[in-house]
């Protein structure tokens, strides 16, 4: 009984490896999986104004000092 499970495990591993190798070469019969090209590393940008710390700091300053002469 143990030999049967070992044979099944080896068969499954070989089948998996062959399938992966064929997919990587693009001969798997299905559409080839295309990966997106990596974007050059850039610093993360704020998504919205409330994510921008400078914007929030400026709003807080304006709220605390509404008659600040810097306001135009």
PDB file of N, CA and C in Angstrom:
ATOM      1  N   UNK A   1       0.818  -1.189   0.000  1.00  0.00           N
ATOM      2  CA  UNK A   1       0.000   0.000   0.000  1.00  0.00           C
ATOM      3  C   UNK A   1       0.864   1.256   0.000  1.00  0.00           C
ATOM      4  N   UNK A   2       1.936   1.286   0.767  1.00  0.00           N
ATOM      5  CA  UNK A   2       2.828   2.433   0.822  1.00  0.00           C
ATOM      6  C   UNK A   2       3.507   2.653  -0.527  1.00  0.00           C
ATOM      7  N   UNK A   3       3.864   1.545  -1.212  1.00  0.00           N
ATOM      8  CA  UNK A   3       4.488   1.667  -2.531  1.00  0.00           C
ATOM      9  C   UNK A   3       3.546   2.355  -3.516  1.00  0.00           C
ATOM     10  N   UNK A   4       2.263   2.054  -3.422  1.00  0.00           N
ATOM     11  CA  UNK A   4       1.270   2.669  -4.305  1.00  0.00           C
ATOM     12  C   UNK A   4       1.259   4.191  -4.121  1.00  0.00           C
ATOM     13  N   UNK A   5       1.249   4.661  -2.881  1.00  0.00           N
ATOM     14  CA  UNK A   5       1.244   6.099  -2.611  1.00  0.00           C
ATOM     15  C   UNK A   5       2.536   6.761  -3.064  1.00  0.00           C
ATOM     16  N   UNK A   6       3.661   6.072  -2.935  1.00  0.00           N
ATOM     17  CA  UNK A   6       4.934   6.620  -3.394  1.00  0.00           C
ATOM     18  C   UNK A   6       4.922   6.767  -4.911  1.00  0.00           C
ATOM     19  N   UNK A   7       4.406   5.748  -5.611  1.00  0.00           N
ATOM     20  CA  UNK A   7       4.317   5.814  -7.073  1.00  0.00           C
ATOM     21  C   UNK A   7       3.402   6.963  -7.493  1.00  0.00           C
ATOM     22  N   UNK A   8       2.278   7.122  -6.831  1.00  0.00           N
ATOM     23  CA  UNK A   8       1.350   8.211  -7.151  1.00  0.00           C
ATOM     24  C   UNK A   8       2.017   9.567  -6.899  1.00  0.00           C
ATOM     25  N   UNK A   9       2.744   9.719  -5.795  1.00  0.00           N
ATOM     26  CA  UNK A   9       3.414  10.981  -5.469  1.00  0.00           C
ATOM     27  C   UNK A   9       4.483  11.304  -6.504  1.00  0.00           C
ATOM     28  N   UNK A  10       5.266  10.312  -6.909  1.00  0.00           N
ATOM     29  CA  UNK A  10       6.304  10.534  -7.919  1.00  0.00           C
ATOM     30  C   UNK A  10       5.661  10.896  -9.257  1.00  0.00           C
ATOM     31  N   UNK A  11       4.604  10.208  -9.626  1.00  0.00           N
ATOM     32  CA  UNK A  11       3.908  10.508 -10.879  1.00  0.00           C
ATOM     33  C   UNK A  11       3.353  11.935 -10.862  1.00  0.00           C
ATOM     34  N   UNK A  12       2.765  12.343  -9.748  1.00  0.00           N
ATOM     35  CA  UNK A  12       2.215  13.694  -9.640  1.00  0.00           C
ATOM     36  C   UNK A  12       3.326  14.744  -9.730  1.00  0.00           C
ATOM     37  N   UNK A  13       4.453  14.498  -9.087  1.00  0.00           N
ATOM     38  CA  UNK A  13       5.561  15.453  -9.124  1.00  0.00           C
ATOM     39  C   UNK A  13       6.119  15.579 -10.542  1.00  0.00           C
ATOM     40  N   UNK A  14       6.295  14.465 -11.238  1.00  0.00           N
ATOM     41  CA  UNK A  14       6.822  14.489 -12.597  1.00  0.00           C
ATOM     42  C   UNK A  14       5.836  15.207 -13.526  1.00  0.00           C
ATOM     43  N   UNK A  15       4.556  14.918 -13.380  1.00  0.00           N
ATOM     44  CA  UNK A  15       3.541  15.568 -14.204  1.00  0.00           C
ATOM     45  C   UNK A  15       3.540  17.075 -13.966  1.00  0.00           C
ATOM     46  N   UNK A  16       3.641  17.479 -12.715  1.00  0.00           N
ATOM     47  CA  UNK A  16       3.670  18.902 -12.379  1.00  0.00           C
ATOM     48  C   UNK A  16       4.891  19.578 -13.004  1.00  0.00           C
ATOM     49  N   UNK A  17       6.053  18.977 -12.864  1.00  0.00           N
ATOM     50  CA  UNK A  17       7.278  19.581 -13.395  1.00  0.00           C
ATOM     51  C   UNK A  17       7.236  19.685 -14.920  1.00  0.00           C
ATOM     52  N   UNK A  18       6.742  18.648 -15.595  1.00  0.00           N
ATOM     53  CA  UNK A  18       6.658  18.681 -17.054  1.00  0.00           C
ATOM     54  C   UNK A  18       5.674  19.764 -17.498  1.00  0.00           C
ATOM     55  N   UNK A  19       4.547  19.865 -16.814  1.00  0.00           N
ATOM     56  CA  UNK A  19       3.554  20.886 -17.154  1.00  0.00           C
ATOM     57  C   UNK A  19       4.123  22.282 -16.977  1.00  0.00           C
ATOM     58  N   UNK A  20       4.823  22.508 -15.873  1.00  0.00           N
ATOM     59  CA  UNK A  20       5.432  23.825 -15.637  1.00  0.00           C
ATOM     60  C   UNK A  20       6.463  24.155 -16.709  1.00  0.00           C
ATOM     61  N   UNK A  21       7.262  23.187 -17.091  1.00  0.00           N
ATOM     62  CA  UNK A  21       8.293  23.414 -18.097  1.00  0.00           C
ATOM     63  C   UNK A  21       7.651  23.761 -19.446  1.00  0.00           C
ATOM     64  N   UNK A  22       6.585  23.067 -19.807  1.00  0.00           N
ATOM     65  CA  UNK A  22       5.903  23.357 -21.068  1.00  0.00           C
ATOM     66  C   UNK A  22       5.241  24.729 -21.040  1.00  0.00           C
ATOM     67  N   UNK A  23       4.665  25.128 -19.917  1.00  0.00           N
ATOM     68  CA  UNK A  23       4.037  26.442 -19.824  1.00  0.00           C
ATOM     69  C   UNK A  23       5.068  27.547 -19.939  1.00  0.00           C
ATOM     70  N   UNK A  24       6.222  27.378 -19.347  1.00  0.00           N
ATOM     71  CA  UNK A  24       7.266  28.395 -19.414  1.00  0.00           C
ATOM     72  C   UNK A  24       7.786  28.554 -20.836  1.00  0.00           C
ATOM     73  N   UNK A  25       7.819  27.491 -21.598  1.00  0.00           N
ATOM     74  CA  UNK A  25       8.277  27.559 -22.987  1.00  0.00           C
ATOM     75  C   UNK A  25       7.176  28.040 -23.912  1.00  0.00           C
ATOM     76  N   UNK A  26       5.948  28.124 -23.430  1.00  0.00           N
ATOM     77  CA  UNK A  26       4.846  28.600 -24.246  1.00  0.00           C
ATOM     78  C   UNK A  26       4.231  27.526 -25.109  1.00  0.00           C
ATOM     79  N   UNK A  27       4.471  26.265 -24.815  1.00  0.00           N
ATOM     80  CA  UNK A  27       3.932  25.170 -25.615  1.00  0.00           C
ATOM     81  C   UNK A  27       2.867  24.396 -24.847  1.00  0.00           C
ATOM     82  N   UNK A  28       2.238  25.041 -23.886  1.00  0.00           N
ATOM     83  CA  UNK A  28       1.260  24.357 -23.059  1.00  0.00           C
ATOM     84  C   UNK A  28      -0.092  24.197 -23.711  1.00  0.00           C
ATOM     85  N   UNK A  29      -0.274  24.732 -24.906  1.00  0.00           N
ATOM     86  CA  UNK A  29      -1.548  24.597 -25.577  1.00  0.00           C
ATOM     87  C   UNK A  29      -2.504  25.729 -25.258  1.00  0.00           C
ATOM     88  N   UNK A  30      -2.294  26.415 -24.161  1.00  0.00           N
ATOM     89  CA  UNK A  30      -3.149  27.537 -23.780  1.00  0.00           C
ATOM     90  C   UNK A  30      -2.424  28.841 -24.055  1.00  0.00           C
ATOM     91  N   UNK A  31      -3.074  29.930 -23.746  1.00  0.00           N
ATOM     92  CA  UNK A  31      -2.413  31.217 -23.956  1.00  0.00           C
ATOM     93  C   UNK A  31      -1.231  31.391 -23.008  1.00  0.00           C
ATOM     94  N   UNK A  32      -0.183  31.972 -23.532  1.00  0.00           N
ATOM     95  CA  UNK A  32       1.004  32.186 -22.711  1.00  0.00           C
ATOM     96  C   UNK A  32       0.723  33.293 -21.700  1.00  0.00           C
ATOM     97  N   UNK A  33       1.200  33.109 -20.508  1.00  0.00           N
ATOM     98  CA  UNK A  33       1.009  34.099 -19.458  1.00  0.00           C
ATOM     99  C   UNK A  33       2.056  35.185 -19.643  1.00  0.00           C
ATOM    100  N   UNK A  34       1.585  36.409 -19.796  1.00  0.00           N
ATOM    101  CA  UNK A  34       2.519  37.526 -19.960  1.00  0.00           C
ATOM    102  C   UNK A  34       2.577  38.297 -18.658  1.00  0.00           C
ATOM    103  N   UNK A  35       3.769  38.557 -18.230  1.00  0.00           N
ATOM    104  CA  UNK A  35       3.952  39.320 -17.005  1.00  0.00           C
ATOM    105  C   UNK A  35       4.149  40.776 -17.348  1.00  0.00           C
ATOM    106  N   UNK A  36       3.634  41.647 -16.496  1.00  0.00           N
ATOM    107  CA  UNK A  36       3.825  43.074 -16.707  1.00  0.00           C
ATOM    108  C   UNK A  36       5.279  43.437 -16.478  1.00  0.00           C
ATOM    109  N   UNK A  37       5.809  44.319 -17.294  1.00  0.00           N
ATOM    110  CA  UNK A  37       7.191  44.749 -17.050  1.00  0.00           C
ATOM    111  C   UNK A  37       7.262  45.551 -15.757  1.00  0.00           C
ATOM    112  N   UNK A  38       8.359  45.394 -15.060  1.00  0.00           N
ATOM    113  CA  UNK A  38       8.554  46.111 -13.810  1.00  0.00           C
ATOM    114  C   UNK A  38       8.731  47.592 -14.090  1.00  0.00           C
ATOM    115  N   UNK A  39       8.043  48.419 -13.339  1.00  0.00           N
ATOM    116  CA  UNK A  39       8.215  49.856 -13.456  1.00  0.00           C
ATOM    117  C   UNK A  39       9.473  50.251 -12.699  1.00  0.00           C
ATOM    118  N   UNK A  40      10.182  51.261 -13.190  1.00  0.00           N
ATOM    119  CA  UNK A  40      11.352  51.707 -12.453  1.00  0.00           C
ATOM    120  C   UNK A  40      10.937  52.161 -11.063  1.00  0.00           C
ATOM    121  N   UNK A  41      11.808  51.917 -10.113  1.00  0.00           N
ATOM    122  CA  UNK A  41      11.428  52.249  -8.742  1.00  0.00           C
ATOM    123  C   UNK A  41      11.326  53.759  -8.584  1.00  0.00           C
ATOM    124  N   UNK A  42      10.166  54.169  -8.170  1.00  0.00           N
ATOM    125  CA  UNK A  42       9.886  55.575  -7.939  1.00  0.00           C
ATOM    126  C   UNK A  42       9.332  55.704  -6.531  1.00  0.00           C
ATOM    127  N   UNK A  43       9.537  56.860  -5.930  1.00  0.00           N
ATOM    128  CA  UNK A  43       8.950  57.019  -4.606  1.00  0.00           C
ATOM    129  C   UNK A  43       7.430  56.986  -4.701  1.00  0.00           C
ATOM    130  N   UNK A  44       6.768  56.413  -3.726  1.00  0.00           N
ATOM    131  CA  UNK A  44       5.306  56.343  -3.789  1.00  0.00           C
ATOM    132  C   UNK A  44       4.698  57.737  -3.760  1.00  0.00           C
ATOM    133  N   UNK A  45       3.682  57.919  -4.586  1.00  0.00           N
ATOM    134  CA  UNK A  45       3.013  59.215  -4.668  1.00  0.00           C
ATOM    135  C   UNK A  45       1.762  59.184  -3.811  1.00  0.00           C
ATOM    136  N   UNK A  46       1.378  60.341  -3.260  1.00  0.00           N
ATOM    137  CA  UNK A  46       0.109  60.390  -2.528  1.00  0.00           C
ATOM    138  C   UNK A  46      -1.051  60.120  -3.485  1.00  0.00           C
ATOM    139  N   UNK A  47      -2.031  59.388  -3.008  1.00  0.00           N
ATOM    140  CA  UNK A  47      -3.174  59.042  -3.844  1.00  0.00           C
ATOM    141  C   UNK A  47      -4.204  60.165  -3.818  1.00  0.00           C
ATOM    142  N   UNK A  48      -4.381  60.785  -2.685  1.00  0.00           N
ATOM    143  CA  UNK A  48      -5.358  61.859  -2.541  1.00  0.00           C
ATOM    144  C   UNK A  48      -4.743  62.949  -1.673  1.00  0.00           C
ATOM    145  N   UNK A  49      -5.326  64.146  -1.685  1.00  0.00           N
ATOM    146  CA  UNK A  49      -4.748  65.224  -0.879  1.00  0.00           C
ATOM    147  C   UNK A  49      -4.647  64.881   0.600  1.00  0.00           C
ATOM    148  N   UNK A  50      -5.577  64.087   1.101  1.00  0.00           N
ATOM    149  CA  UNK A  50      -5.509  63.779   2.527  1.00  0.00           C
ATOM    150  C   UNK A  50      -4.406  62.768   2.857  1.00  0.00           C
ATOM    151  N   UNK A  51      -3.706  62.268   1.861  1.00  0.00           N
ATOM    152  CA  UNK A  51      -2.553  61.402   2.094  1.00  0.00           C
ATOM    153  C   UNK A  51      -1.253  62.191   2.098  1.00  0.00           C
ATOM    154  N   UNK A  52      -1.307  63.440   1.682  1.00  0.00           N
ATOM    155  CA  UNK A  52      -0.109  64.264   1.568  1.00  0.00           C
ATOM    156  C   UNK A  52       0.120  64.994   2.889  1.00  0.00           C
ATOM    157  N   UNK A  53       1.217  64.658   3.562  1.00  0.00           N
ATOM    158  CA  UNK A  53       1.487  65.229   4.884  1.00  0.00           C
ATOM    159  C   UNK A  53       1.698  66.738   4.817  1.00  0.00           C
ATOM    160  N   UNK A  54       2.312  67.251   3.772  1.00  0.00           N
ATOM    161  CA  UNK A  54       2.513  68.695   3.651  1.00  0.00           C
ATOM    162  C   UNK A  54       1.168  69.415   3.512  1.00  0.00           C
ATOM    163  N   UNK A  55       0.270  68.846   2.740  1.00  0.00           N
ATOM    164  CA  UNK A  55      -1.055  69.420   2.558  1.00  0.00           C
ATOM    165  C   UNK A  55      -1.803  69.472   3.886  1.00  0.00           C
ATOM    166  N   UNK A  56      -1.759  68.365   4.641  1.00  0.00           N
ATOM    167  CA  UNK A  56      -2.444  68.316   5.923  1.00  0.00           C
ATOM    168  C   UNK A  56      -1.841  69.300   6.920  1.00  0.00           C
ATOM    169  N   UNK A  57      -0.524  69.405   6.906  1.00  0.00           N
ATOM    170  CA  UNK A  57       0.153  70.334   7.807  1.00  0.00           C
ATOM    171  C   UNK A  57      -0.260  71.772   7.489  1.00  0.00           C
ATOM    172  N   UNK A  58      -0.342  72.108   6.208  1.00  0.00           N
ATOM    173  CA  UNK A  58      -0.731  73.444   5.803  1.00  0.00           C
ATOM    174  C   UNK A  58      -2.188  73.729   6.191  1.00  0.00           C
ATOM    175  N   UNK A  59      -3.072  72.750   6.019  1.00  0.00           N
ATOM    176  CA  UNK A  59      -4.465  72.934   6.426  1.00  0.00           C
ATOM    177  C   UNK A  59      -4.567  73.170   7.929  1.00  0.00           C
ATOM    178  N   UNK A  60      -3.804  72.396   8.693  1.00  0.00           N
ATOM    179  CA  UNK A  60      -3.831  72.559  10.142  1.00  0.00           C
ATOM    180  C   UNK A  60      -3.328  73.940  10.532  1.00  0.00           C
ATOM    181  N   UNK A  61      -2.276  74.409   9.879  1.00  0.00           N
ATOM    182  CA  UNK A  61      -1.731  75.743  10.176  1.00  0.00           C
ATOM    183  C   UNK A  61      -2.764  76.812   9.834  1.00  0.00           C
ATOM    184  N   UNK A  62      -3.440  76.680   8.718  1.00  0.00           N
ATOM    185  CA  UNK A  62      -4.449  77.660   8.323  1.00  0.00           C
ATOM    186  C   UNK A  62      -5.639  77.650   9.277  1.00  0.00           C
ATOM    187  N   UNK A  63      -5.990  76.486   9.779  1.00  0.00           N
ATOM    188  CA  UNK A  63      -7.116  76.395  10.703  1.00  0.00           C
ATOM    189  C   UNK A  63      -6.776  77.039  12.049  1.00  0.00           C
ATOM    190  N   UNK A  64      -5.555  76.845  12.497  1.00  0.00           N
ATOM    191  CA  UNK A  64      -5.149  77.421  13.786  1.00  0.00           C
ATOM    192  C   UNK A  64      -4.951  78.927  13.702  1.00  0.00           C
ATOM    193  N   UNK A  65      -4.473  79.418  12.581  1.00  0.00           N
ATOM    194  CA  UNK A  65      -4.180  80.847  12.399  1.00  0.00           C
ATOM    195  C   UNK A  65      -4.910  81.353  11.153  1.00  0.00           C
ATOM    196  N   UNK A  66      -6.201  81.586  11.252  1.00  0.00           N
ATOM    197  CA  UNK A  66      -6.964  81.972  10.047  1.00  0.00           C
ATOM    198  C   UNK A  66      -6.596  83.349   9.497  1.00  0.00           C
ATOM    199  N   UNK A  67      -6.000  84.225  10.293  1.00  0.00           N
ATOM    200  CA  UNK A  67      -5.636  85.562   9.793  1.00  0.00           C
ATOM    201  C   UNK A  67      -4.151  85.661   9.512  1.00  0.00           C
ATOM    202  N   UNK A  68      -3.545  84.549   9.150  1.00  0.00           N
ATOM    203  CA  UNK A  68      -2.112  84.515   8.841  1.00  0.00           C
ATOM    204  C   UNK A  68      -1.838  85.383   7.611  1.00  0.00           C
ATOM    205  N   UNK A  69      -0.837  86.263   7.659  1.00  0.00           N
ATOM    206  CA  UNK A  69      -0.559  87.143   6.505  1.00  0.00           C
ATOM    207  C   UNK A  69      -0.071  86.390   5.261  1.00  0.00           C
ATOM    208  N   UNK A  70       0.342  85.122   5.401  1.00  0.00           N
ATOM    209  CA  UNK A  70       0.815  84.354   4.242  1.00  0.00           C
ATOM    210  C   UNK A  70      -0.337  83.982   3.315  1.00  0.00           C
ATOM    211  N   UNK A  71      -1.561  84.017   3.835  1.00  0.00           N
ATOM    212  CA  UNK A  71      -2.701  83.647   2.992  1.00  0.00           C
ATOM    213  C   UNK A  71      -2.982  84.729   1.976  1.00  0.00           C
ATOM    214  N   UNK A  72      -3.265  84.314   0.766  1.00  0.00           N
ATOM    215  CA  UNK A  72      -3.559  85.283  -0.289  1.00  0.00           C
ATOM    216  C   UNK A  72      -4.954  85.079  -0.798  1.00  0.00           C
TER     217      UNK A  72
END
